[in-house]
Amino acid sequence: MKRFDTITLKLWEKHAIHQAGFWTVLVGESNQDLVYLLKWESLAEREAKFGKFGADPEWLAARAKTEKAARSSPRSAIRS
């Protein structure tokens, strides 16, 4: 969730991607999951903007770095 706050939101702003809302799950196995809704004027807008975001070198590097850190964290293996 830290990545969402410190990296993803800034990159969405860079690519003019607008959020309609987001929340986390409070209970259960997925209590660290983040759910979000994005606002699009059309399917073409979604494909263009989300495609550019997904290919952004800054996003790719940040995602790889944070996913590697999450895999090596002892907390990532703990389930309640």
Protein backbone atom coordinates (compact mmCIF):
# COMPACT_ATOMS: atom_id res chain seq x y z
CA MET A 1 0.00 0.00 0.00
CA LYS A 2 2.97 2.26 0.50
CA ARG A 3 3.76 1.94 -3.22
CA PHE A 4 0.24 3.09 -4.07
CA ASP A 5 0.60 6.18 -1.90
CA THR A 6 4.17 7.14 -2.77
CA ILE A 7 4.54 5.97 -6.38
CA THR A 8 1.33 4.93 -8.14
CA LEU A 9 -0.76 8.03 -7.40
CA LYS A 10 2.00 10.33 -8.70
CA LEU A 11 2.32 8.31 -11.89
CA TRP A 12 -1.43 8.28 -12.39
CA GLU A 13 -1.36 12.06 -12.14
CA LYS A 14 1.49 12.17 -14.70
CA HIS A 15 -0.65 10.10 -17.12
CA ALA A 16 -3.89 12.00 -16.33
CA ILE A 17 -5.50 8.91 -14.80
CA HIS A 18 -8.29 9.89 -12.40
CA GLN A 19 -9.40 7.77 -9.49
CA ALA A 20 -13.05 7.44 -8.56
CA GLY A 21 -12.24 5.84 -5.21
CA PHE A 22 -10.17 3.27 -3.37
CA TRP A 23 -10.36 1.25 -0.18
CA THR A 24 -8.83 -1.67 1.67
CA VAL A 25 -10.42 -4.84 2.96
CA LEU A 26 -10.72 -4.82 6.74
CA VAL A 27 -11.04 -8.52 7.56
CA GLY A 28 -10.03 -11.91 6.25
CA GLU A 29 -7.08 -13.26 4.33
CA SER A 30 -7.08 -10.34 1.91
CA ASN A 31 -6.93 -7.59 4.54
CA GLN A 32 -3.89 -6.04 2.82
CA ASP A 33 -5.60 -5.87 -0.58
CA LEU A 34 -6.23 -2.49 -2.13
CA VAL A 35 -9.27 -2.06 -4.37
CA TYR A 36 -9.59 0.98 -6.62
CA LEU A 37 -11.91 2.40 -9.27
CA LEU A 38 -10.68 4.61 -12.08
CA LYS A 39 -12.70 7.08 -14.14
CA TRP A 40 -12.61 6.87 -17.93
CA GLU A 41 -14.53 8.81 -20.56
CA SER A 42 -14.26 5.88 -22.99
CA LEU A 43 -12.67 2.50 -23.53
CA ALA A 44 -10.23 4.14 -25.95
CA GLU A 45 -9.11 6.57 -23.23
CA ARG A 46 -8.59 3.70 -20.80
CA GLU A 47 -6.57 1.70 -23.28
CA ALA A 48 -4.37 4.67 -24.22
CA LYS A 49 -3.68 6.03 -20.74
CA PHE A 50 -3.40 2.75 -18.85
CA GLY A 51 -1.21 1.35 -21.62
CA LYS A 52 1.19 4.29 -21.30
CA PHE A 53 1.18 3.97 -17.52
CA GLY A 54 1.87 0.24 -17.69
CA ALA A 55 4.83 0.81 -20.01
CA ASP A 56 6.25 3.79 -18.11
CA PRO A 57 9.90 3.01 -17.24
CA GLU A 58 9.51 4.71 -13.85
CA TRP A 59 6.52 2.46 -13.03
CA LEU A 60 8.26 -0.69 -14.25
CA ALA A 61 11.34 0.01 -12.12
CA ALA A 62 9.33 0.92 -9.01
CA ARG A 63 7.07 -2.11 -9.37
CA ALA A 64 10.01 -4.48 -9.78
CA LYS A 65 11.82 -2.98 -6.78
CA THR A 66 8.81 -3.07 -4.45
CA GLU A 67 7.73 -6.57 -5.51
CA LYS A 68 11.26 -7.88 -4.93
CA ALA A 69 11.30 -6.30 -1.46
CA ALA A 70 7.87 -7.77 -0.66
CA ARG A 71 8.97 -11.28 -1.68
CA SER A 72 12.04 -11.11 0.56
CA SER A 73 10.11 -9.80 3.56
CA PRO A 74 9.36 -12.38 6.29
CA ARG A 75 5.95 -10.73 6.70
CA SER A 76 4.96 -11.70 3.15
CA ALA A 77 4.85 -15.37 4.15
CA ILE A 78 2.62 -14.84 7.19
CA ARG A 79 -1.10 -15.59 6.87
CA SER A 80 -3.66 -15.28 9.63
